[in-house]
């Protein structure tokens, strides 16, 4: 899909600086029912809603989802080591839909990156635990998968300063899909989570 088609589907008329594919289509876990996700950075300093970021915009059919950033909002996300922004920067050029601005990290600081990655992964794990306790095992699976994937991406960032393998957790994803919801327990993944934490902190 071209940049013009994406913008038209999402009814975006502002000038874009970048459009990055995102989510399952990049990771390699998409199926025939999966939507297409994009992170879109606009030239404007602030979005129409007065914020620097807007989540979950979609086309009428719900098949295309977008996250909008203003230019400054995306730069701030990069320099705060937000995993979604780092995933965008790590994409090979042939996968990027549009890039009119040379977005990059101003100064790489490994300890800060690790701290931010652990905070994000820990938040996803907490959400997974809460969803499990509330009786939503499928959501709990998703939360735990995201938590572990973020830590794996963090290890790649630590070694390479970019993500080099987006499919690193695809086998785990398939394993989680096979587990009956009534049998899923987030506690079964604590040891794996903690082991990844130790590797990141080493």
N, C-alpha and C. Protein backbone atom coordinates (compact mmCIF):
# COMPACT_ATOMS: atom_id res chain seq x y z
N UNK A 1 0.84 -1.19 0.00
CA UNK A 1 0.00 0.00 0.00
C UNK A 1 0.88 1.25 0.00
N UNK A 2 0.54 2.22 -0.83
CA UNK A 2 1.35 3.43 -0.95
C UNK A 2 1.02 4.41 0.17
N UNK A 3 1.88 5.40 0.33
CA UNK A 3 1.65 6.41 1.36
C UNK A 3 0.35 7.16 1.08
N UNK A 4 0.08 7.47 -0.17
CA UNK A 4 -1.15 8.19 -0.52
C UNK A 4 -2.39 7.38 -0.16
N UNK A 5 -2.35 6.08 -0.42
CA UNK A 5 -3.49 5.23 -0.09
C UNK A 5 -3.71 5.16 1.42
N UNK A 6 -2.63 5.06 2.17
CA UNK A 6 -2.75 5.00 3.64
C UNK A 6 -3.35 6.28 4.17
N UNK A 7 -2.85 7.41 3.71
CA UNK A 7 -3.36 8.70 4.17
C UNK A 7 -4.83 8.88 3.79
N UNK A 8 -5.19 8.44 2.60
CA UNK A 8 -6.58 8.55 2.16
C UNK A 8 -7.49 7.67 3.00
N UNK A 9 -7.05 6.43 3.27
CA UNK A 9 -7.86 5.50 4.07
C UNK A 9 -8.08 6.05 5.48
N UNK A 10 -7.09 6.72 6.03
CA UNK A 10 -7.20 7.23 7.40
C UNK A 10 -7.66 8.68 7.45
N UNK A 11 -8.02 9.23 6.30
CA UNK A 11 -8.55 10.60 6.19
C UNK A 11 -7.57 11.62 6.78
N UNK A 12 -6.29 11.44 6.47
CA UNK A 12 -5.26 12.37 6.92
C UNK A 12 -4.92 13.32 5.77
N UNK A 13 -5.07 14.61 6.01
CA UNK A 13 -4.79 15.60 4.98
C UNK A 13 -3.52 16.40 5.26
N UNK A 14 -2.98 16.28 6.47
CA UNK A 14 -1.75 16.99 6.82
C UNK A 14 -0.55 16.36 6.12
N UNK A 15 0.50 17.15 5.98
CA UNK A 15 1.71 16.66 5.31
C UNK A 15 2.47 15.70 6.21
N UNK A 16 2.75 14.50 5.71
CA UNK A 16 3.49 13.53 6.53
C UNK A 16 5.00 13.67 6.30
N UNK A 17 5.75 13.36 7.36
CA UNK A 17 7.20 13.28 7.24
C UNK A 17 7.67 11.84 7.16
N UNK A 18 6.89 10.93 7.73
CA UNK A 18 7.28 9.52 7.72
C UNK A 18 6.06 8.64 7.94
N UNK A 19 6.09 7.45 7.32
CA UNK A 19 5.08 6.42 7.55
C UNK A 19 5.82 5.10 7.70
N UNK A 20 5.63 4.48 8.86
CA UNK A 20 6.31 3.21 9.15
C UNK A 20 5.28 2.10 9.37
N UNK A 21 5.46 0.93 8.76
CA UNK A 21 4.63 -0.21 9.13
C UNK A 21 4.97 -0.64 10.54
N UNK A 22 4.01 -1.28 11.18
CA UNK A 22 4.17 -1.56 12.61
C UNK A 22 3.34 -2.79 12.97
N UNK A 23 3.73 -3.51 14.00
CA UNK A 23 2.91 -4.59 14.51
C UNK A 23 3.11 -5.92 13.82
N UNK A 24 2.05 -6.71 13.78
CA UNK A 24 2.13 -8.11 13.35
C UNK A 24 2.64 -8.27 11.92
N UNK A 25 2.34 -7.30 11.06
CA UNK A 25 2.81 -7.40 9.67
C UNK A 25 4.33 -7.31 9.60
N UNK A 26 4.93 -6.61 10.53
CA UNK A 26 6.39 -6.50 10.61
C UNK A 26 6.99 -7.69 11.34
N UNK A 27 6.34 -8.11 12.42
CA UNK A 27 6.87 -9.22 13.22
C UNK A 27 6.80 -10.55 12.49
N UNK A 28 5.83 -10.66 11.58
CA UNK A 28 5.63 -11.93 10.89
C UNK A 28 4.61 -12.82 11.56
N UNK A 29 3.74 -12.25 12.40
CA UNK A 29 2.71 -13.04 13.08
C UNK A 29 1.32 -12.76 12.51
N UNK A 30 1.23 -12.01 11.44
CA UNK A 30 -0.07 -11.67 10.85
C UNK A 30 -0.70 -12.87 10.18
N UNK A 31 -2.04 -12.93 10.23
CA UNK A 31 -2.78 -13.92 9.47
C UNK A 31 -3.79 -13.19 8.59
N UNK A 32 -4.70 -13.94 7.98
CA UNK A 32 -5.62 -13.33 7.02
C UNK A 32 -6.59 -12.34 7.68
N UNK A 33 -6.72 -12.43 9.01
CA UNK A 33 -7.64 -11.53 9.72
C UNK A 33 -6.92 -10.33 10.34
N UNK A 34 -5.62 -10.27 10.21
CA UNK A 34 -4.86 -9.20 10.84
C UNK A 34 -5.02 -7.88 10.08
N UNK A 35 -5.07 -6.81 10.84
CA UNK A 35 -5.13 -5.50 10.20
C UNK A 35 -3.71 -5.02 9.89
N UNK A 36 -3.61 -3.86 9.27
CA UNK A 36 -2.32 -3.26 8.94
C UNK A 36 -2.14 -2.03 9.81
N UNK A 37 -1.04 -2.00 10.55
CA UNK A 37 -0.77 -0.92 11.49
C UNK A 37 0.35 -0.03 10.96
N UNK A 38 0.20 1.28 11.19
CA UNK A 38 1.21 2.23 10.75
C UNK A 38 1.44 3.29 11.81
N UNK A 39 2.67 3.71 11.95
CA UNK A 39 3.01 4.90 12.72
C UNK A 39 3.27 6.02 11.72
N UNK A 40 2.55 7.11 11.87
CA UNK A 40 2.60 8.20 10.90
C UNK A 40 3.05 9.47 11.61
N UNK A 41 4.10 10.06 11.12
CA UNK A 41 4.64 11.29 11.71
C UNK A 41 4.29 12.46 10.79
N UNK A 42 3.61 13.45 11.35
CA UNK A 42 3.19 14.61 10.57
C UNK A 42 4.16 15.77 10.74
N UNK A 43 4.21 16.65 9.76
CA UNK A 43 5.13 17.78 9.79
C UNK A 43 4.74 18.79 10.86
N UNK A 44 3.48 18.90 11.15
CA UNK A 44 3.00 19.92 12.07
C UNK A 44 3.58 19.74 13.47
N UNK A 45 3.72 20.85 14.20
CA UNK A 45 4.33 20.82 15.52
C UNK A 45 3.42 20.18 16.56
N UNK A 46 2.11 20.28 16.34
CA UNK A 46 1.15 19.72 17.28
C UNK A 46 -0.05 19.18 16.49
N UNK A 47 -0.63 18.10 16.95
CA UNK A 47 -1.77 17.51 16.26
C UNK A 47 -3.01 18.36 16.46
N UNK A 48 -4.03 18.08 15.68
CA UNK A 48 -5.28 18.86 15.74
C UNK A 48 -5.93 18.80 17.12
N UNK A 49 -5.73 17.67 17.84
CA UNK A 49 -6.33 17.54 19.16
C UNK A 49 -5.52 18.23 20.25
N UNK A 50 -4.45 18.92 19.85
CA UNK A 50 -3.63 19.64 20.81
C UNK A 50 -2.56 18.80 21.47
N UNK A 51 -2.45 17.53 21.07
CA UNK A 51 -1.47 16.62 21.67
C UNK A 51 -0.32 16.38 20.69
N UNK A 52 0.66 15.61 21.16
CA UNK A 52 1.79 15.26 20.31
C UNK A 52 1.66 13.84 19.76
N UNK A 53 0.63 13.13 20.23
CA UNK A 53 0.41 11.75 19.79
C UNK A 53 -1.07 11.44 19.85
N UNK A 54 -1.53 10.65 18.89
CA UNK A 54 -2.92 10.20 18.88
C UNK A 54 -2.96 8.73 18.51
N UNK A 55 -3.51 7.92 19.40
CA UNK A 55 -3.57 6.48 19.19
C UNK A 55 -4.85 6.06 18.49
N UNK A 56 -4.78 4.88 17.90
CA UNK A 56 -5.96 4.14 17.46
C UNK A 56 -6.89 4.89 16.52
N UNK A 57 -6.34 5.48 15.47
CA UNK A 57 -7.21 5.94 14.40
C UNK A 57 -7.32 4.80 13.39
N UNK A 58 -8.44 4.70 12.71
CA UNK A 58 -8.62 3.58 11.78
C UNK A 58 -9.48 3.99 10.60
N UNK A 59 -9.42 3.19 9.55
CA UNK A 59 -10.29 3.43 8.40
C UNK A 59 -11.68 2.88 8.69
N UNK A 60 -12.58 3.14 7.79
CA UNK A 60 -13.98 2.77 8.02
C UNK A 60 -14.16 1.27 8.20
N UNK A 61 -13.38 0.48 7.48
CA UNK A 61 -13.51 -0.98 7.56
C UNK A 61 -12.78 -1.56 8.77
N UNK A 62 -11.95 -0.76 9.42
CA UNK A 62 -11.19 -1.26 10.56
C UNK A 62 -10.02 -2.14 10.18
N UNK A 63 -9.64 -2.10 8.92
CA UNK A 63 -8.54 -2.96 8.45
C UNK A 63 -7.19 -2.26 8.49
N UNK A 64 -7.22 -0.93 8.66
CA UNK A 64 -5.98 -0.15 8.73
C UNK A 64 -6.03 0.69 10.00
N UNK A 65 -5.00 0.55 10.81
CA UNK A 65 -4.92 1.27 12.07
C UNK A 65 -3.70 2.19 12.04
N UNK A 66 -3.81 3.32 12.69
CA UNK A 66 -2.70 4.25 12.71
C UNK A 66 -2.45 4.87 14.06
N UNK A 67 -1.20 5.18 14.32
CA UNK A 67 -0.81 6.01 15.47
C UNK A 67 -0.17 7.26 14.89
N UNK A 68 -0.70 8.42 15.26
CA UNK A 68 -0.21 9.69 14.73
C UNK A 68 0.74 10.35 15.72
N UNK A 69 1.82 10.91 15.20
CA UNK A 69 2.73 11.74 15.99
C UNK A 69 2.92 13.07 15.29
N UNK A 70 3.06 14.12 16.06
CA UNK A 70 3.61 15.35 15.51
C UNK A 70 5.12 15.15 15.36
N UNK A 71 5.77 16.04 14.64
CA UNK A 71 7.22 15.92 14.46
C UNK A 71 7.95 15.91 15.81
N UNK A 72 7.62 16.90 16.63
CA UNK A 72 8.27 16.99 17.94
C UNK A 72 7.92 15.83 18.85
N UNK A 73 6.68 15.35 18.74
CA UNK A 73 6.26 14.22 19.56
C UNK A 73 7.04 12.96 19.25
N UNK A 74 7.32 12.76 17.96
CA UNK A 74 8.07 11.57 17.56
C UNK A 74 9.54 11.69 17.98
N UNK A 75 10.10 12.87 17.83
CA UNK A 75 11.48 13.09 18.27
C UNK A 75 11.60 12.83 19.77
N UNK A 76 10.61 13.31 20.52
CA UNK A 76 10.60 13.08 21.97
C UNK A 76 10.48 11.59 22.29
N UNK A 77 9.64 10.87 21.53
CA UNK A 77 9.49 9.43 21.74
C UNK A 77 10.81 8.70 21.47
N UNK A 78 11.51 9.11 20.42
CA UNK A 78 12.81 8.51 20.10
C UNK A 78 13.79 8.73 21.24
N UNK A 79 13.90 9.98 21.69
CA UNK A 79 14.91 10.30 22.70
C UNK A 79 14.54 9.81 24.10
N UNK A 80 13.29 9.37 24.26
CA UNK A 80 12.87 8.71 25.51
C UNK A 80 12.86 7.19 25.36
N UNK A 81 13.42 6.71 24.25
CA UNK A 81 13.58 5.28 24.00
C UNK A 81 12.25 4.52 24.07
N UNK A 82 11.18 5.12 23.54
CA UNK A 82 9.90 4.41 23.46
C UNK A 82 10.05 3.30 22.42
N UNK A 83 9.65 2.10 22.79
CA UNK A 83 9.94 0.94 21.96
C UNK A 83 9.31 1.05 20.58
N UNK A 84 8.11 1.61 20.47
CA UNK A 84 7.48 1.75 19.16
C UNK A 84 8.29 2.62 18.23
N UNK A 85 8.83 3.71 18.75
CA UNK A 85 9.66 4.61 17.93
C UNK A 85 10.96 3.93 17.52
N UNK A 86 11.55 3.17 18.45
CA UNK A 86 12.80 2.47 18.14
C UNK A 86 12.57 1.37 17.11
N UNK A 87 11.41 0.75 17.15
CA UNK A 87 11.07 -0.25 16.13
C UNK A 87 11.02 0.41 14.75
N UNK A 88 10.48 1.61 14.68
CA UNK A 88 10.42 2.33 13.40
C UNK A 88 11.82 2.63 12.87
N UNK A 89 12.68 3.15 13.75
CA UNK A 89 14.02 3.52 13.32
C UNK A 89 14.85 2.32 12.89
N UNK A 90 14.51 1.13 13.41
CA UNK A 90 15.29 -0.07 13.11
C UNK A 90 14.88 -0.74 11.80
N UNK A 91 13.77 -0.31 11.23
CA UNK A 91 13.29 -0.95 10.00
C UNK A 91 14.30 -0.78 8.86
N UNK A 92 14.49 -1.82 8.04
CA UNK A 92 15.31 -1.65 6.84
C UNK A 92 14.63 -0.69 5.87
N UNK A 93 15.41 0.06 5.10
CA UNK A 93 14.84 1.10 4.22
C UNK A 93 13.73 0.60 3.30
N UNK A 94 13.85 -0.64 2.81
CA UNK A 94 12.87 -1.14 1.85
C UNK A 94 11.50 -1.38 2.48
N UNK A 95 11.42 -1.43 3.82
CA UNK A 95 10.14 -1.64 4.48
C UNK A 95 9.46 -0.32 4.87
N UNK A 96 10.19 0.76 4.86
CA UNK A 96 9.63 2.05 5.25
C UNK A 96 8.79 2.60 4.10
N UNK A 97 7.56 2.99 4.41
CA UNK A 97 6.64 3.48 3.38
C UNK A 97 7.03 4.87 2.91
N UNK A 98 7.37 5.74 3.86
CA UNK A 98 7.72 7.12 3.54
C UNK A 98 8.70 7.64 4.58
N UNK A 99 9.73 8.35 4.12
CA UNK A 99 10.69 8.95 5.04
C UNK A 99 11.25 10.23 4.41
N UNK A 100 10.77 11.38 4.91
CA UNK A 100 11.23 12.67 4.41
C UNK A 100 12.10 13.41 5.42
N UNK A 101 12.31 12.79 6.58
CA UNK A 101 13.05 13.45 7.64
C UNK A 101 14.02 12.44 8.26
N UNK A 102 15.26 12.81 8.51
CA UNK A 102 16.25 11.86 9.03
C UNK A 102 16.14 11.67 10.55
N UNK A 103 15.05 11.05 10.98
CA UNK A 103 14.86 10.83 12.42
C UNK A 103 15.95 9.91 12.96
N UNK A 104 16.50 10.27 14.11
CA UNK A 104 17.52 9.44 14.75
C UNK A 104 17.62 9.80 16.22
N UNK A 105 18.25 8.93 17.00
CA UNK A 105 18.47 9.21 18.41
C UNK A 105 19.57 10.26 18.53
N UNK A 106 19.32 11.30 19.30
CA UNK A 106 20.29 12.39 19.42
C UNK A 106 21.58 11.91 20.06
N UNK A 107 21.46 11.14 21.13
CA UNK A 107 22.64 10.60 21.82
C UNK A 107 22.28 9.28 22.48
N UNK A 108 22.97 8.23 22.11
CA UNK A 108 22.66 6.89 22.63
C UNK A 108 23.18 6.77 24.06
N UNK A 109 22.26 6.40 24.98
CA UNK A 109 22.62 6.19 26.37
C UNK A 109 22.05 4.84 26.81
N UNK A 110 22.92 3.85 26.85
CA UNK A 110 22.47 2.46 27.05
C UNK A 110 21.70 2.27 28.36
N UNK A 111 22.18 2.82 29.45
CA UNK A 111 21.51 2.61 30.74
C UNK A 111 20.10 3.18 30.74
N UNK A 112 19.93 4.34 30.11
CA UNK A 112 18.59 4.93 30.03
C UNK A 112 17.69 4.08 29.15
N UNK A 113 18.21 3.60 28.03
CA UNK A 113 17.43 2.72 27.16
C UNK A 113 16.95 1.49 27.92
N UNK A 114 17.86 0.84 28.64
CA UNK A 114 17.51 -0.37 29.39
C UNK A 114 16.44 -0.07 30.43
N UNK A 115 16.59 1.05 31.13
CA UNK A 115 15.60 1.44 32.14
C UNK A 115 14.22 1.60 31.50
N UNK A 116 14.15 2.28 30.36
CA UNK A 116 12.87 2.51 29.68
C UNK A 116 12.26 1.21 29.17
N UNK A 117 13.11 0.32 28.65
CA UNK A 117 12.62 -0.97 28.14
C UNK A 117 12.05 -1.80 29.29
N UNK A 118 12.74 -1.83 30.41
CA UNK A 118 12.27 -2.61 31.56
C UNK A 118 10.97 -2.03 32.11
N UNK A 119 10.87 -0.70 32.15
CA UNK A 119 9.62 -0.08 32.61
C UNK A 119 8.44 -0.47 31.72
N UNK A 120 8.66 -0.43 30.41
CA UNK A 120 7.58 -0.76 29.46
C UNK A 120 7.20 -2.23 29.56
N UNK A 121 8.20 -3.12 29.62
CA UNK A 121 7.92 -4.55 29.70
C UNK A 121 7.23 -4.89 31.02
N UNK A 122 7.65 -4.27 32.10
CA UNK A 122 7.05 -4.52 33.41
C UNK A 122 5.60 -4.06 33.43
N UNK A 123 5.31 -2.94 32.76
CA UNK A 123 3.93 -2.46 32.67
C UNK A 123 3.07 -3.44 31.89
N UNK A 124 3.61 -4.02 30.81
CA UNK A 124 2.87 -5.00 30.02
C UNK A 124 2.62 -6.28 30.83
N UNK A 125 3.62 -6.67 31.61
CA UNK A 125 3.44 -7.86 32.46
C UNK A 125 2.38 -7.60 33.52
N UNK A 126 2.38 -6.41 34.10
CA UNK A 126 1.36 -6.07 35.10
C UNK A 126 -0.03 -6.11 34.49
N UNK A 127 -0.16 -5.55 33.29
CA UNK A 127 -1.45 -5.58 32.60
C UNK A 127 -1.89 -7.02 32.35
N UNK A 128 -0.94 -7.88 31.95
CA UNK A 128 -1.26 -9.28 31.71
C UNK A 128 -1.78 -9.93 32.99
N UNK A 129 -1.14 -9.66 34.11
CA UNK A 129 -1.58 -10.22 35.39
C UNK A 129 -2.99 -9.74 35.74
N UNK A 130 -3.24 -8.46 35.54
CA UNK A 130 -4.55 -7.90 35.85
C UNK A 130 -5.64 -8.48 34.97
N UNK A 131 -5.34 -8.66 33.68
CA UNK A 131 -6.31 -9.24 32.76
C UNK A 131 -6.61 -10.69 33.14
N UNK A 132 -5.58 -11.41 33.55
CA UNK A 132 -5.77 -12.81 33.97
C UNK A 132 -6.67 -12.87 35.21
N UNK A 133 -6.44 -12.00 36.17
CA UNK A 133 -7.24 -11.97 37.39
C UNK A 133 -8.68 -11.57 37.12
N UNK A 134 -8.87 -10.76 36.06
CA UNK A 134 -10.20 -10.27 35.71
C UNK A 134 -10.96 -11.24 34.81
N UNK A 135 -10.33 -12.35 34.46
CA UNK A 135 -11.00 -13.36 33.65
C UNK A 135 -10.91 -13.14 32.16
N UNK A 136 -9.85 -12.48 31.70
CA UNK A 136 -9.65 -12.25 30.27
C UNK A 136 -8.33 -12.89 29.84
N UNK A 137 -8.29 -14.22 29.75
CA UNK A 137 -7.02 -14.91 29.46
C UNK A 137 -6.42 -14.56 28.10
N UNK A 138 -7.24 -14.31 27.09
CA UNK A 138 -6.69 -13.96 25.78
C UNK A 138 -5.95 -12.63 25.84
N UNK A 139 -6.50 -11.68 26.58
CA UNK A 139 -5.82 -10.40 26.76
C UNK A 139 -4.56 -10.58 27.60
N UNK A 140 -4.62 -11.48 28.57
CA UNK A 140 -3.45 -11.77 29.40
C UNK A 140 -2.33 -12.37 28.56
N UNK A 141 -2.69 -13.26 27.66
CA UNK A 141 -1.69 -13.84 26.74
C UNK A 141 -1.01 -12.73 25.94
N UNK A 142 -1.81 -11.83 25.41
CA UNK A 142 -1.27 -10.75 24.58
C UNK A 142 -0.32 -9.88 25.38
N UNK A 143 -0.74 -9.55 26.62
CA UNK A 143 0.10 -8.71 27.46
C UNK A 143 1.42 -9.36 27.81
N UNK A 144 1.39 -10.65 28.12
CA UNK A 144 2.63 -11.35 28.46
C UNK A 144 3.53 -11.50 27.24
N UNK A 145 2.93 -11.76 26.08
CA UNK A 145 3.72 -11.83 24.86
C UNK A 145 4.43 -10.51 24.59
N UNK A 146 3.70 -9.40 24.72
CA UNK A 146 4.30 -8.10 24.49
C UNK A 146 5.44 -7.84 25.49
N UNK A 147 5.23 -8.22 26.74
CA UNK A 147 6.25 -8.01 27.76
C UNK A 147 7.55 -8.72 27.41
N UNK A 148 7.44 -9.97 27.00
CA UNK A 148 8.63 -10.76 26.67
C UNK A 148 9.28 -10.27 25.37
N UNK A 149 8.45 -9.92 24.40
CA UNK A 149 8.98 -9.42 23.13
C UNK A 149 9.75 -8.12 23.34
N UNK A 150 9.22 -7.24 24.16
CA UNK A 150 9.90 -5.97 24.43
C UNK A 150 11.27 -6.22 25.04
N UNK A 151 11.37 -7.17 25.96
CA UNK A 151 12.66 -7.48 26.57
C UNK A 151 13.64 -8.06 25.55
N UNK A 152 13.14 -8.93 24.68
CA UNK A 152 14.00 -9.47 23.61
C UNK A 152 14.48 -8.36 22.68
N UNK A 153 13.59 -7.44 22.34
CA UNK A 153 14.00 -6.30 21.52
C UNK A 153 15.04 -5.45 22.26
N UNK A 154 14.85 -5.31 23.58
CA UNK A 154 15.80 -4.56 24.37
C UNK A 154 17.19 -5.17 24.33
N UNK A 155 17.28 -6.49 24.35
CA UNK A 155 18.58 -7.16 24.25
C UNK A 155 19.24 -6.87 22.91
N UNK A 156 18.45 -6.85 21.84
CA UNK A 156 19.01 -6.53 20.53
C UNK A 156 19.48 -5.08 20.47
N UNK A 157 18.71 -4.18 21.08
CA UNK A 157 19.10 -2.78 21.12
C UNK A 157 20.39 -2.59 21.92
N UNK A 158 20.51 -3.36 23.00
CA UNK A 158 21.73 -3.29 23.81
C UNK A 158 22.96 -3.71 23.01
N UNK A 159 22.80 -4.73 22.19
CA UNK A 159 23.95 -5.26 21.44
C UNK A 159 24.23 -4.48 20.16
N UNK A 160 23.15 -4.07 19.46
CA UNK A 160 23.33 -3.50 18.11
C UNK A 160 22.89 -2.03 17.99
N UNK A 161 22.29 -1.49 19.03
CA UNK A 161 21.67 -0.16 18.99
C UNK A 161 20.53 -0.10 17.97
N UNK A 162 20.00 -1.23 17.61
CA UNK A 162 18.81 -1.31 16.77
C UNK A 162 18.25 -2.73 16.88
N UNK A 163 17.02 -2.91 16.42
CA UNK A 163 16.41 -4.23 16.38
C UNK A 163 16.81 -4.89 15.07
N UNK A 164 17.34 -6.09 15.14
CA UNK A 164 17.82 -6.77 13.95
C UNK A 164 16.96 -7.99 13.58
N UNK A 165 16.11 -8.43 14.52
CA UNK A 165 15.27 -9.61 14.26
C UNK A 165 13.89 -9.38 14.89
N UNK A 166 12.94 -8.95 14.08
CA UNK A 166 11.59 -8.69 14.57
C UNK A 166 10.82 -9.98 14.85
N UNK A 167 11.32 -11.10 14.33
CA UNK A 167 10.61 -12.38 14.48
C UNK A 167 11.08 -13.17 15.69
N UNK A 168 11.87 -12.56 16.56
CA UNK A 168 12.53 -13.28 17.65
C UNK A 168 11.55 -14.03 18.55
N UNK A 169 10.32 -13.52 18.69
CA UNK A 169 9.35 -14.16 19.59
C UNK A 169 8.21 -14.86 18.86
N UNK A 170 8.37 -15.10 17.58
CA UNK A 170 7.28 -15.71 16.82
C UNK A 170 6.96 -17.13 17.27
N UNK A 171 7.99 -17.87 17.66
CA UNK A 171 7.74 -19.23 18.15
C UNK A 171 6.95 -19.18 19.46
N UNK A 172 7.30 -18.25 20.32
CA UNK A 172 6.54 -18.05 21.56
C UNK A 172 5.09 -17.69 21.26
N UNK A 173 4.90 -16.84 20.27
CA UNK A 173 3.55 -16.43 19.87
C UNK A 173 2.71 -17.63 19.47
N UNK A 174 3.30 -18.52 18.67
CA UNK A 174 2.58 -19.72 18.24
C UNK A 174 2.28 -20.64 19.42
N UNK A 175 3.21 -20.74 20.35
CA UNK A 175 2.99 -21.55 21.54
C UNK A 175 1.83 -21.02 22.37
N UNK A 176 1.80 -19.71 22.54
CA UNK A 176 0.73 -19.09 23.32
C UNK A 176 -0.62 -19.30 22.66
N UNK A 177 -0.66 -19.23 21.34
CA UNK A 177 -1.92 -19.44 20.62
C UNK A 177 -2.50 -20.82 20.88
N UNK A 178 -1.63 -21.80 21.09
CA UNK A 178 -2.08 -23.19 21.26
C UNK A 178 -2.60 -23.48 22.67
N UNK A 179 -2.33 -22.60 23.63
CA UNK A 179 -2.75 -22.84 25.01
C UNK A 179 -4.23 -22.52 25.17
N UNK A 180 -4.96 -23.46 25.74
CA UNK A 180 -6.37 -23.21 26.04
C UNK A 180 -6.48 -22.06 27.05
N UNK A 181 -7.37 -21.12 26.81
CA UNK A 181 -7.49 -19.97 27.71
C UNK A 181 -7.60 -20.36 29.18
N UNK A 182 -8.35 -21.41 29.47
CA UNK A 182 -8.54 -21.81 30.87
C UNK A 182 -7.26 -22.34 31.51
N UNK A 183 -6.29 -22.72 30.67
CA UNK A 183 -5.04 -23.27 31.18
C UNK A 183 -3.90 -22.25 31.22
N UNK A 184 -4.17 -21.04 30.76
CA UNK A 184 -3.09 -20.05 30.70
C UNK A 184 -2.88 -19.41 32.06
N UNK A 185 -1.61 -19.32 32.47
CA UNK A 185 -1.24 -18.73 33.75
C UNK A 185 -0.01 -17.86 33.52
N UNK A 186 -0.13 -16.57 33.76
CA UNK A 186 0.99 -15.66 33.53
C UNK A 186 2.22 -16.04 34.37
N UNK A 187 1.97 -16.68 35.51
CA UNK A 187 3.09 -17.03 36.40
C UNK A 187 4.03 -18.03 35.76
N UNK A 188 3.56 -18.76 34.78
CA UNK A 188 4.43 -19.72 34.09
C UNK A 188 5.54 -19.04 33.29
N UNK A 189 5.42 -17.72 33.11
CA UNK A 189 6.39 -16.98 32.29
C UNK A 189 7.25 -16.02 33.11
N UNK A 190 7.05 -16.04 34.42
CA UNK A 190 7.84 -15.15 35.29
C UNK A 190 9.33 -15.47 35.21
N UNK A 191 9.67 -16.75 35.22
CA UNK A 191 11.09 -17.13 35.21
C UNK A 191 11.77 -16.65 33.93
N UNK A 192 11.08 -16.82 32.80
CA UNK A 192 11.62 -16.35 31.52
C UNK A 192 11.77 -14.83 31.53
N UNK A 193 10.77 -14.15 32.06
CA UNK A 193 10.81 -12.69 32.15
C UNK A 193 12.00 -12.24 33.00
N UNK A 194 12.16 -12.85 34.16
CA UNK A 194 13.23 -12.45 35.07
C UNK A 194 14.61 -12.76 34.49
N UNK A 195 14.72 -13.85 33.75
CA UNK A 195 16.00 -14.20 33.11
C UNK A 195 16.38 -13.14 32.09
N UNK A 196 15.41 -12.67 31.33
CA UNK A 196 15.68 -11.62 30.33
C UNK A 196 16.08 -10.32 31.02
N UNK A 197 15.44 -10.03 32.16
CA UNK A 197 15.81 -8.84 32.93
C UNK A 197 17.28 -8.89 33.35
N UNK A 198 17.69 -10.04 33.83
CA UNK A 198 19.08 -10.20 34.26
C UNK A 198 20.05 -9.98 33.10
N UNK A 199 19.69 -10.50 31.93
CA UNK A 199 20.54 -10.31 30.76
C UNK A 199 20.64 -8.85 30.36
N UNK A 200 19.52 -8.15 30.46
CA UNK A 200 19.52 -6.72 30.10
C UNK A 200 20.38 -5.91 31.08
N UNK A 201 20.30 -6.27 32.33
CA UNK A 201 21.01 -5.51 33.38
C UNK A 201 22.48 -5.87 33.50
N UNK A 202 22.86 -6.98 32.89
CA UNK A 202 24.25 -7.46 33.03
C UNK A 202 25.26 -6.48 32.44
